N, C-alpha and C. Protein backbone atom coordinates (compact mmCIF):
# COMPACT_ATOMS: atom_id res chain seq x y z
N MET A 1 0.84 -1.19 0.00
CA MET A 1 0.00 0.00 0.00
C MET A 1 0.88 1.24 0.00
N ALA A 2 0.65 2.16 -0.91
CA ALA A 2 1.45 3.39 -0.99
C ALA A 2 1.07 4.31 0.16
N LYS A 3 2.10 4.92 0.74
CA LYS A 3 1.85 5.87 1.83
C LYS A 3 1.34 7.17 1.24
N ASP A 4 0.52 7.87 2.03
CA ASP A 4 0.07 9.19 1.61
C ASP A 4 1.24 10.14 1.63
N VAL A 5 1.31 10.97 0.64
CA VAL A 5 2.36 11.97 0.53
C VAL A 5 1.69 13.34 0.45
N PHE A 6 2.20 14.28 1.21
CA PHE A 6 1.63 15.62 1.27
C PHE A 6 2.55 16.63 0.60
N SER A 7 1.99 17.53 -0.18
CA SER A 7 2.72 18.72 -0.61
C SER A 7 2.72 19.66 0.59
N THR A 8 3.48 20.74 0.51
CA THR A 8 3.47 21.69 1.63
C THR A 8 2.10 22.33 1.77
N PHE A 9 1.40 22.54 0.65
CA PHE A 9 0.06 23.11 0.71
C PHE A 9 -0.92 22.15 1.39
N LYS A 10 -0.84 20.88 1.02
CA LYS A 10 -1.73 19.88 1.60
C LYS A 10 -1.44 19.70 3.09
N ALA A 11 -0.15 19.70 3.46
CA ALA A 11 0.23 19.59 4.87
C ALA A 11 -0.27 20.80 5.66
N ALA A 12 -0.16 21.98 5.06
CA ALA A 12 -0.63 23.20 5.72
C ALA A 12 -2.14 23.12 5.97
N ASP A 13 -2.87 22.64 4.98
CA ASP A 13 -4.31 22.49 5.13
C ASP A 13 -4.64 21.49 6.24
N TYR A 14 -3.92 20.40 6.27
CA TYR A 14 -4.15 19.35 7.26
C TYR A 14 -3.85 19.84 8.68
N CYS A 15 -2.83 20.70 8.81
CA CYS A 15 -2.42 21.24 10.11
C CYS A 15 -3.12 22.54 10.46
N ASN A 16 -3.96 23.02 9.56
CA ASN A 16 -4.61 24.32 9.74
C ASN A 16 -3.54 25.40 9.92
N SER A 17 -2.57 25.40 9.04
CA SER A 17 -1.42 26.30 9.11
C SER A 17 -1.23 26.94 7.74
N SER A 18 -0.10 27.56 7.53
CA SER A 18 0.20 28.16 6.23
C SER A 18 1.33 27.40 5.54
N ASP A 19 1.38 27.53 4.24
CA ASP A 19 2.43 26.90 3.44
C ASP A 19 3.80 27.39 3.89
N SER A 20 3.92 28.69 4.15
CA SER A 20 5.22 29.24 4.56
C SER A 20 5.66 28.69 5.92
N SER A 21 4.71 28.46 6.82
CA SER A 21 5.06 27.87 8.13
C SER A 21 5.58 26.45 7.97
N ILE A 22 4.92 25.68 7.11
CA ILE A 22 5.35 24.30 6.87
C ILE A 22 6.77 24.29 6.30
N LYS A 23 7.04 25.18 5.35
CA LYS A 23 8.39 25.26 4.77
C LYS A 23 9.42 25.65 5.83
N ARG A 24 9.07 26.56 6.75
CA ARG A 24 9.99 26.93 7.83
C ARG A 24 10.29 25.74 8.73
N PHE A 25 9.27 24.94 9.04
CA PHE A 25 9.48 23.75 9.87
C PHE A 25 10.39 22.75 9.17
N ILE A 26 10.23 22.62 7.87
CA ILE A 26 11.09 21.72 7.09
C ILE A 26 12.53 22.23 7.10
N ASN A 27 12.69 23.51 6.78
CA ASN A 27 14.04 24.10 6.70
C ASN A 27 14.77 24.10 8.05
N SER A 28 14.01 24.15 9.14
CA SER A 28 14.65 24.14 10.47
C SER A 28 14.92 22.71 10.96
N GLY A 29 14.45 21.71 10.19
CA GLY A 29 14.69 20.32 10.57
C GLY A 29 13.64 19.76 11.52
N LYS A 30 12.62 20.50 11.83
CA LYS A 30 11.57 20.04 12.75
C LYS A 30 10.59 19.08 12.08
N LEU A 31 10.46 19.20 10.75
CA LEU A 31 9.54 18.36 10.00
C LEU A 31 10.32 17.68 8.87
N LYS A 32 10.26 16.34 8.83
CA LYS A 32 10.96 15.59 7.79
C LYS A 32 10.25 15.76 6.45
N ALA A 33 11.05 15.91 5.40
CA ALA A 33 10.49 16.02 4.05
C ALA A 33 11.57 15.65 3.05
N TYR A 34 11.16 15.38 1.84
CA TYR A 34 12.12 15.16 0.76
C TYR A 34 11.74 16.08 -0.38
N LYS A 35 12.66 16.25 -1.32
CA LYS A 35 12.41 17.10 -2.47
C LYS A 35 12.19 16.25 -3.71
N THR A 36 11.25 16.68 -4.54
CA THR A 36 11.01 16.04 -5.82
C THR A 36 12.12 16.47 -6.78
N PRO A 37 12.24 15.81 -7.92
CA PRO A 37 13.24 16.26 -8.90
C PRO A 37 13.02 17.72 -9.31
N GLY A 38 11.79 18.21 -9.18
CA GLY A 38 11.49 19.59 -9.52
C GLY A 38 11.77 20.57 -8.39
N GLY A 39 12.24 20.06 -7.24
CA GLY A 39 12.60 20.94 -6.12
C GLY A 39 11.46 21.26 -5.17
N HIS A 40 10.36 20.52 -5.24
CA HIS A 40 9.23 20.76 -4.35
C HIS A 40 9.28 19.79 -3.17
N TYR A 41 8.94 20.28 -2.00
CA TYR A 41 8.93 19.43 -0.82
C TYR A 41 7.74 18.48 -0.85
N ARG A 42 7.95 17.26 -0.36
CA ARG A 42 6.89 16.29 -0.14
C ARG A 42 7.10 15.69 1.25
N ILE A 43 6.01 15.44 1.95
CA ILE A 43 6.06 14.98 3.33
C ILE A 43 5.26 13.70 3.45
N LEU A 44 5.86 12.66 4.00
CA LEU A 44 5.13 11.41 4.22
C LEU A 44 4.12 11.62 5.35
N LYS A 45 2.97 10.97 5.22
CA LYS A 45 1.90 11.15 6.20
C LYS A 45 2.37 10.79 7.61
N ASP A 46 3.12 9.70 7.75
CA ASP A 46 3.59 9.31 9.08
C ASP A 46 4.48 10.38 9.70
N ASP A 47 5.32 11.00 8.88
CA ASP A 47 6.19 12.08 9.38
C ASP A 47 5.37 13.29 9.80
N LEU A 48 4.34 13.62 9.03
CA LEU A 48 3.49 14.75 9.37
C LEU A 48 2.72 14.48 10.67
N LEU A 49 2.19 13.27 10.80
CA LEU A 49 1.45 12.93 12.03
C LEU A 49 2.36 12.96 13.26
N SER A 50 3.58 12.47 13.12
CA SER A 50 4.54 12.52 14.23
C SER A 50 4.83 13.97 14.62
N PHE A 51 5.06 14.80 13.63
CA PHE A 51 5.32 16.22 13.87
C PHE A 51 4.13 16.86 14.60
N MET A 52 2.92 16.55 14.15
CA MET A 52 1.73 17.13 14.77
C MET A 52 1.60 16.69 16.23
N LYS A 53 1.85 15.41 16.50
CA LYS A 53 1.77 14.91 17.88
C LYS A 53 2.81 15.58 18.76
N GLU A 54 4.04 15.67 18.27
CA GLU A 54 5.13 16.28 19.04
C GLU A 54 4.88 17.75 19.35
N ASN A 55 4.13 18.42 18.51
CA ASN A 55 3.88 19.85 18.68
C ASN A 55 2.44 20.16 19.12
N TYR A 56 1.74 19.13 19.58
CA TYR A 56 0.39 19.28 20.14
C TYR A 56 -0.58 19.95 19.16
N ILE A 57 -0.44 19.60 17.90
CA ILE A 57 -1.36 20.10 16.87
C ILE A 57 -2.48 19.08 16.75
N PRO A 58 -3.73 19.50 16.89
CA PRO A 58 -4.85 18.55 16.79
C PRO A 58 -4.84 17.82 15.45
N ILE A 59 -5.07 16.53 15.51
CA ILE A 59 -5.11 15.70 14.31
C ILE A 59 -6.58 15.45 13.96
N PRO A 60 -6.97 15.83 12.74
CA PRO A 60 -8.37 15.60 12.35
C PRO A 60 -8.70 14.12 12.38
N GLU A 61 -9.82 13.78 13.00
CA GLU A 61 -10.23 12.37 13.10
C GLU A 61 -10.56 11.83 11.71
N LYS A 62 -11.64 12.31 11.16
CA LYS A 62 -12.06 11.89 9.83
C LYS A 62 -12.59 13.11 9.10
N ARG A 63 -12.27 13.21 7.88
CA ARG A 63 -12.82 14.28 7.06
C ARG A 63 -14.22 13.84 6.64
N GLU A 64 -15.22 14.66 6.98
CA GLU A 64 -16.59 14.29 6.65
C GLU A 64 -16.84 14.35 5.15
N ILE A 65 -16.22 15.28 4.48
CA ILE A 65 -16.42 15.44 3.05
C ILE A 65 -15.22 14.83 2.33
N VAL A 66 -15.49 13.95 1.42
CA VAL A 66 -14.41 13.37 0.63
C VAL A 66 -14.12 14.35 -0.52
N ARG A 67 -12.93 14.87 -0.50
CA ARG A 67 -12.56 15.86 -1.51
C ARG A 67 -12.04 15.17 -2.76
N LYS A 68 -12.45 15.67 -3.90
CA LYS A 68 -11.95 15.14 -5.17
C LYS A 68 -10.49 15.55 -5.32
N LYS A 69 -9.68 14.63 -5.83
CA LYS A 69 -8.25 14.88 -5.99
C LYS A 69 -7.94 15.32 -7.41
N ILE A 70 -7.17 16.41 -7.52
CA ILE A 70 -6.78 16.94 -8.81
C ILE A 70 -5.27 17.10 -8.84
N LEU A 71 -4.67 16.64 -9.92
CA LEU A 71 -3.24 16.82 -10.15
C LEU A 71 -3.09 17.82 -11.29
N VAL A 72 -2.40 18.93 -11.03
CA VAL A 72 -2.15 19.96 -12.04
C VAL A 72 -0.72 19.78 -12.54
N VAL A 73 -0.57 19.57 -13.85
CA VAL A 73 0.75 19.33 -14.44
C VAL A 73 1.05 20.42 -15.46
N ASP A 74 2.05 21.24 -15.14
CA ASP A 74 2.49 22.30 -16.05
C ASP A 74 3.91 22.69 -15.69
N ASP A 75 4.72 22.98 -16.69
CA ASP A 75 6.11 23.34 -16.42
C ASP A 75 6.25 24.80 -15.99
N ASP A 76 5.23 25.61 -16.16
CA ASP A 76 5.25 27.01 -15.74
C ASP A 76 4.76 27.10 -14.29
N GLU A 77 5.69 27.36 -13.37
CA GLU A 77 5.36 27.36 -11.94
C GLU A 77 4.26 28.35 -11.59
N GLN A 78 4.31 29.52 -12.18
CA GLN A 78 3.32 30.54 -11.87
C GLN A 78 1.92 30.08 -12.28
N VAL A 79 1.79 29.51 -13.46
CA VAL A 79 0.51 29.01 -13.94
C VAL A 79 0.05 27.84 -13.08
N ARG A 80 0.95 26.89 -12.84
CA ARG A 80 0.64 25.68 -12.07
C ARG A 80 0.16 26.02 -10.66
N GLU A 81 0.94 26.82 -9.94
CA GLU A 81 0.60 27.15 -8.55
C GLU A 81 -0.61 28.08 -8.47
N GLY A 82 -0.75 28.97 -9.48
CA GLY A 82 -1.93 29.84 -9.51
C GLY A 82 -3.21 29.05 -9.68
N MET A 83 -3.18 28.06 -10.58
CA MET A 83 -4.35 27.22 -10.79
C MET A 83 -4.63 26.38 -9.55
N ALA A 84 -3.59 25.82 -8.96
CA ALA A 84 -3.76 25.00 -7.76
C ALA A 84 -4.37 25.83 -6.63
N LYS A 85 -3.87 27.04 -6.45
CA LYS A 85 -4.40 27.91 -5.41
C LYS A 85 -5.87 28.22 -5.65
N HIS A 86 -6.22 28.53 -6.89
CA HIS A 86 -7.62 28.82 -7.23
C HIS A 86 -8.52 27.61 -6.93
N LEU A 87 -8.05 26.41 -7.23
CA LEU A 87 -8.86 25.22 -7.01
C LEU A 87 -8.98 24.87 -5.52
N ARG A 88 -7.99 25.24 -4.72
CA ARG A 88 -8.03 24.96 -3.28
C ARG A 88 -8.91 25.94 -2.54
N LEU A 89 -8.96 27.17 -3.02
CA LEU A 89 -9.65 28.24 -2.31
C LEU A 89 -11.06 28.45 -2.84
N ASN A 90 -11.68 29.45 -2.32
CA ASN A 90 -13.00 29.89 -2.77
C ASN A 90 -14.07 28.80 -2.63
N GLY A 91 -13.93 27.93 -1.65
CA GLY A 91 -14.95 26.92 -1.38
C GLY A 91 -15.01 25.78 -2.37
N HIS A 92 -14.01 25.63 -3.23
CA HIS A 92 -14.05 24.55 -4.22
C HIS A 92 -13.80 23.19 -3.58
N ASN A 93 -13.06 23.17 -2.49
CA ASN A 93 -12.84 21.95 -1.69
C ASN A 93 -12.20 20.81 -2.47
N PHE A 94 -11.24 21.12 -3.33
CA PHE A 94 -10.50 20.09 -4.03
C PHE A 94 -9.18 19.83 -3.31
N ASP A 95 -8.73 18.60 -3.35
CA ASP A 95 -7.42 18.23 -2.84
C ASP A 95 -6.48 18.29 -4.05
N VAL A 96 -5.61 19.29 -4.08
CA VAL A 96 -4.81 19.56 -5.27
C VAL A 96 -3.33 19.33 -5.00
N THR A 97 -2.69 18.63 -5.91
CA THR A 97 -1.24 18.44 -5.89
C THR A 97 -0.74 18.86 -7.26
N THR A 98 0.52 19.29 -7.32
CA THR A 98 1.07 19.77 -8.58
C THR A 98 2.32 18.98 -8.98
N ALA A 99 2.57 19.00 -10.28
CA ALA A 99 3.80 18.42 -10.84
C ALA A 99 4.27 19.34 -11.94
N GLU A 100 5.59 19.48 -12.06
CA GLU A 100 6.10 20.42 -13.06
C GLU A 100 6.34 19.80 -14.43
N ASP A 101 6.26 18.48 -14.52
CA ASP A 101 6.44 17.84 -15.82
C ASP A 101 5.86 16.44 -15.79
N GLY A 102 5.89 15.78 -16.95
CA GLY A 102 5.33 14.44 -17.05
C GLY A 102 6.06 13.43 -16.19
N PHE A 103 7.36 13.61 -16.01
CA PHE A 103 8.14 12.69 -15.18
C PHE A 103 7.66 12.75 -13.73
N GLU A 104 7.57 13.95 -13.18
CA GLU A 104 7.11 14.10 -11.80
C GLU A 104 5.66 13.62 -11.65
N ALA A 105 4.84 13.90 -12.66
CA ALA A 105 3.45 13.44 -12.62
C ALA A 105 3.40 11.92 -12.56
N GLY A 106 4.27 11.25 -13.32
CA GLY A 106 4.32 9.79 -13.31
C GLY A 106 4.62 9.24 -11.93
N ILE A 107 5.49 9.90 -11.20
CA ILE A 107 5.81 9.48 -9.84
C ILE A 107 4.61 9.68 -8.92
N LEU A 108 3.89 10.78 -9.11
CA LEU A 108 2.78 11.12 -8.22
C LEU A 108 1.50 10.32 -8.51
N PHE A 109 1.34 9.82 -9.74
CA PHE A 109 0.10 9.13 -10.10
C PHE A 109 -0.29 8.05 -9.10
N THR A 110 0.64 7.17 -8.80
CA THR A 110 0.30 6.03 -7.94
C THR A 110 0.26 6.40 -6.47
N GLN A 111 0.90 7.49 -6.07
CA GLN A 111 0.86 7.91 -4.67
C GLN A 111 -0.39 8.73 -4.39
N PHE A 112 -0.72 9.62 -5.29
CA PHE A 112 -1.82 10.56 -5.09
C PHE A 112 -3.14 10.02 -5.64
N VAL A 113 -3.12 9.24 -6.68
CA VAL A 113 -4.27 8.66 -7.38
C VAL A 113 -5.37 9.72 -7.57
N PRO A 114 -5.15 10.64 -8.51
CA PRO A 114 -6.11 11.72 -8.71
C PRO A 114 -7.40 11.28 -9.40
N ASP A 115 -8.47 12.03 -9.15
CA ASP A 115 -9.73 11.83 -9.87
C ASP A 115 -9.64 12.50 -11.24
N LEU A 116 -8.83 13.58 -11.30
CA LEU A 116 -8.70 14.35 -12.53
C LEU A 116 -7.29 14.92 -12.63
N ILE A 117 -6.79 14.97 -13.85
CA ILE A 117 -5.50 15.59 -14.11
C ILE A 117 -5.73 16.76 -15.07
N VAL A 118 -5.28 17.94 -14.66
CA VAL A 118 -5.26 19.10 -15.55
C VAL A 118 -3.87 19.10 -16.15
N LEU A 119 -3.80 18.90 -17.45
CA LEU A 119 -2.54 18.61 -18.11
C LEU A 119 -2.28 19.57 -19.26
N TYR A 120 -1.14 20.19 -19.24
CA TYR A 120 -0.72 21.03 -20.36
C TYR A 120 0.02 20.16 -21.36
N LEU A 121 -0.21 20.40 -22.64
CA LEU A 121 0.36 19.54 -23.68
C LEU A 121 1.86 19.72 -23.86
N MET A 122 2.30 20.95 -23.96
CA MET A 122 3.69 21.20 -24.30
C MET A 122 4.54 21.41 -23.04
N MET A 123 5.32 20.38 -22.71
CA MET A 123 6.19 20.40 -21.54
C MET A 123 7.51 19.74 -21.92
N PRO A 124 8.57 20.07 -21.20
CA PRO A 124 9.85 19.40 -21.48
C PRO A 124 9.82 17.94 -21.04
N HIS A 125 10.74 17.17 -21.52
CA HIS A 125 10.94 15.76 -21.17
C HIS A 125 9.83 14.87 -21.72
N THR A 126 8.67 14.88 -21.11
CA THR A 126 7.55 14.06 -21.56
C THR A 126 6.37 14.97 -21.82
N ASP A 127 5.89 15.03 -23.05
CA ASP A 127 4.78 15.93 -23.35
C ASP A 127 3.44 15.35 -22.88
N GLY A 128 2.42 16.17 -22.96
CA GLY A 128 1.09 15.77 -22.49
C GLY A 128 0.50 14.58 -23.24
N PHE A 129 0.86 14.42 -24.51
CA PHE A 129 0.36 13.27 -25.27
C PHE A 129 0.84 11.97 -24.63
N ASN A 130 2.13 11.91 -24.30
CA ASN A 130 2.69 10.70 -23.69
C ASN A 130 2.13 10.47 -22.29
N VAL A 131 1.90 11.54 -21.56
CA VAL A 131 1.31 11.40 -20.22
C VAL A 131 -0.09 10.78 -20.34
N CYS A 132 -0.88 11.25 -21.29
CA CYS A 132 -2.22 10.68 -21.52
C CYS A 132 -2.14 9.18 -21.79
N LYS A 133 -1.21 8.79 -22.66
CA LYS A 133 -1.05 7.37 -22.99
C LYS A 133 -0.67 6.55 -21.76
N LYS A 134 0.24 7.08 -20.95
CA LYS A 134 0.68 6.35 -19.75
C LYS A 134 -0.46 6.18 -18.75
N ILE A 135 -1.26 7.20 -18.60
CA ILE A 135 -2.40 7.12 -17.68
C ILE A 135 -3.36 6.02 -18.14
N ASN A 136 -3.68 6.03 -19.42
CA ASN A 136 -4.64 5.07 -19.95
C ASN A 136 -4.11 3.65 -20.03
N SER A 137 -2.79 3.47 -19.94
CA SER A 137 -2.23 2.13 -19.96
C SER A 137 -2.02 1.55 -18.56
N ASN A 138 -2.23 2.36 -17.53
CA ASN A 138 -2.03 1.91 -16.14
C ASN A 138 -3.39 1.57 -15.54
N PRO A 139 -3.67 0.30 -15.24
CA PRO A 139 -4.98 -0.10 -14.73
C PRO A 139 -5.36 0.59 -13.41
N MET A 140 -4.35 0.97 -12.63
CA MET A 140 -4.62 1.60 -11.33
C MET A 140 -5.20 3.00 -11.48
N ILE A 141 -4.84 3.69 -12.56
CA ILE A 141 -5.27 5.08 -12.72
C ILE A 141 -5.99 5.36 -14.04
N LYS A 142 -6.31 4.32 -14.80
CA LYS A 142 -6.89 4.55 -16.13
C LYS A 142 -8.27 5.20 -16.08
N ASN A 143 -8.94 5.19 -14.93
CA ASN A 143 -10.24 5.85 -14.80
C ASN A 143 -10.12 7.32 -14.44
N THR A 144 -8.90 7.80 -14.27
CA THR A 144 -8.65 9.21 -13.99
C THR A 144 -9.05 10.03 -15.21
N LYS A 145 -9.83 11.08 -14.99
CA LYS A 145 -10.23 11.97 -16.08
C LYS A 145 -9.06 12.88 -16.43
N ILE A 146 -8.94 13.20 -17.70
CA ILE A 146 -7.84 14.04 -18.18
C ILE A 146 -8.41 15.27 -18.89
N LEU A 147 -8.09 16.44 -18.34
CA LEU A 147 -8.46 17.71 -18.93
C LEU A 147 -7.20 18.35 -19.48
N VAL A 148 -7.10 18.43 -20.79
CA VAL A 148 -5.92 18.99 -21.44
C VAL A 148 -6.16 20.47 -21.73
N ILE A 149 -5.15 21.27 -21.43
CA ILE A 149 -5.18 22.69 -21.74
C ILE A 149 -3.97 22.98 -22.62
N THR A 150 -4.22 23.70 -23.71
CA THR A 150 -3.12 23.96 -24.63
C THR A 150 -3.23 25.32 -25.29
N GLY A 151 -2.08 25.89 -25.54
CA GLY A 151 -2.00 27.11 -26.33
C GLY A 151 -1.84 26.79 -27.80
N TYR A 152 -1.78 25.50 -28.12
CA TYR A 152 -1.61 25.03 -29.50
C TYR A 152 -2.81 24.18 -29.88
N ALA A 153 -3.99 24.78 -29.83
CA ALA A 153 -5.23 24.03 -30.04
C ALA A 153 -5.62 23.94 -31.51
N ASN A 154 -4.66 23.58 -32.35
CA ASN A 154 -5.01 23.37 -33.75
C ASN A 154 -5.69 22.00 -33.88
N GLU A 155 -6.29 21.77 -35.01
CA GLU A 155 -7.08 20.55 -35.23
C GLU A 155 -6.25 19.28 -34.99
N LYS A 156 -5.01 19.29 -35.46
CA LYS A 156 -4.13 18.12 -35.32
C LYS A 156 -3.86 17.80 -33.85
N ASN A 157 -3.50 18.81 -33.04
CA ASN A 157 -3.19 18.58 -31.63
C ASN A 157 -4.42 18.15 -30.83
N VAL A 158 -5.56 18.78 -31.12
CA VAL A 158 -6.80 18.43 -30.40
C VAL A 158 -7.17 16.98 -30.71
N LYS A 159 -7.13 16.60 -31.98
CA LYS A 159 -7.45 15.23 -32.38
C LYS A 159 -6.49 14.23 -31.71
N LYS A 160 -5.20 14.56 -31.75
CA LYS A 160 -4.20 13.66 -31.14
C LYS A 160 -4.40 13.53 -29.64
N ALA A 161 -4.76 14.64 -28.96
CA ALA A 161 -5.00 14.58 -27.51
C ALA A 161 -6.15 13.64 -27.19
N TYR A 162 -7.24 13.74 -27.95
CA TYR A 162 -8.37 12.82 -27.73
C TYR A 162 -7.98 11.38 -28.04
N GLU A 163 -7.20 11.18 -29.09
CA GLU A 163 -6.76 9.82 -29.43
C GLU A 163 -5.86 9.23 -28.34
N CYS A 164 -5.12 10.08 -27.67
CA CYS A 164 -4.23 9.62 -26.59
C CYS A 164 -4.96 9.41 -25.27
N GLY A 165 -6.23 9.82 -25.19
CA GLY A 165 -7.02 9.55 -23.99
C GLY A 165 -7.56 10.73 -23.24
N ALA A 166 -7.41 11.95 -23.76
CA ALA A 166 -7.97 13.12 -23.09
C ALA A 166 -9.49 13.03 -23.07
N ASP A 167 -10.08 13.48 -21.96
CA ASP A 167 -11.54 13.52 -21.86
C ASP A 167 -12.10 14.84 -22.36
N LYS A 168 -11.27 15.88 -22.25
CA LYS A 168 -11.68 17.22 -22.70
C LYS A 168 -10.42 18.00 -23.04
N VAL A 169 -10.50 18.82 -24.10
CA VAL A 169 -9.38 19.66 -24.50
C VAL A 169 -9.88 21.10 -24.54
N LEU A 170 -9.17 21.99 -23.85
CA LEU A 170 -9.52 23.40 -23.82
C LEU A 170 -8.36 24.23 -24.35
N ALA A 171 -8.69 25.30 -25.04
CA ALA A 171 -7.66 26.20 -25.60
C ALA A 171 -7.38 27.33 -24.62
N LYS A 172 -6.09 27.70 -24.54
CA LYS A 172 -5.70 28.89 -23.77
C LYS A 172 -6.08 30.12 -24.59
N PRO A 173 -6.35 31.21 -23.98
CA PRO A 173 -6.53 31.40 -22.54
C PRO A 173 -7.89 30.88 -22.11
N ILE A 174 -7.98 30.50 -20.85
CA ILE A 174 -9.23 29.98 -20.32
C ILE A 174 -9.61 30.75 -19.06
N GLU A 175 -10.87 31.09 -18.95
CA GLU A 175 -11.37 31.81 -17.79
C GLU A 175 -11.51 30.83 -16.61
N LYS A 176 -11.31 31.34 -15.41
CA LYS A 176 -11.36 30.48 -14.22
C LYS A 176 -12.71 29.78 -14.08
N GLU A 177 -13.78 30.48 -14.36
CA GLU A 177 -15.11 29.88 -14.22
C GLU A 177 -15.33 28.77 -15.25
N GLU A 178 -14.85 28.98 -16.48
CA GLU A 178 -14.97 27.95 -17.50
C GLU A 178 -14.19 26.71 -17.09
N LEU A 179 -12.98 26.92 -16.58
CA LEU A 179 -12.16 25.80 -16.10
C LEU A 179 -12.89 25.04 -15.00
N LEU A 180 -13.42 25.76 -14.04
CA LEU A 180 -14.12 25.14 -12.92
C LEU A 180 -15.35 24.37 -13.40
N ASN A 181 -16.09 24.93 -14.34
CA ASN A 181 -17.26 24.23 -14.89
C ASN A 181 -16.86 22.93 -15.57
N GLU A 182 -15.78 22.96 -16.34
CA GLU A 182 -15.32 21.75 -17.03
C GLU A 182 -14.85 20.70 -16.03
N ILE A 183 -14.13 21.12 -15.00
CA ILE A 183 -13.66 20.20 -13.97
C ILE A 183 -14.84 19.54 -13.28
N ASN A 184 -15.80 20.34 -12.88
CA ASN A 184 -16.99 19.80 -12.19
C ASN A 184 -17.77 18.85 -13.09
N SER A 185 -17.86 19.16 -14.38
CA SER A 185 -18.62 18.25 -15.27
C SER A 185 -17.88 16.92 -15.45
N LEU A 186 -16.55 16.94 -15.38
CA LEU A 186 -15.78 15.70 -15.56
C LEU A 186 -15.77 14.82 -14.31
N ILE A 187 -15.79 15.41 -13.13
CA ILE A 187 -15.64 14.59 -11.92
C ILE A 187 -16.85 14.54 -11.02
N SER A 188 -17.97 15.08 -11.47
CA SER A 188 -19.16 15.01 -10.60
C SER A 188 -19.93 13.73 -10.82
């Protein structure tokens, strides 16, 4: 069984704290974490729970609402983190994790097991087309919905994205409300 892995944002939400506080605890050595190839911290659930117990932080018993899991994959950090922040806030109640490329997404797929992946087509190393194929070939995650966003929404790329397994393809730029509507229609 894969252990739960927390991003700093997810850990902050779990601890009712801020992302910057979690990063300070990591940097001071108080909270164990590792870095992804993209330089992002990840925290094992057991390490987070130990930290919370040692620091008398209340541990949530059970979450009454099961939050849908979304993995945002984009090589542009500002776009990736901005979208993740939007999906976490404003009452959307999504559990969001990010990856900066197809390689990191591949590592996170089996740990995070998302309900939906927001995937940009053009990325270094492994493009969105290959990520779609990998998702659909893995029985553990093949039911994950794939929402592709691209600035190259010509007929050829859109057709290829659907052939590779995308459930929906949207062209950039996209309004936040349109994105949210598409996400809700795919995972509701």
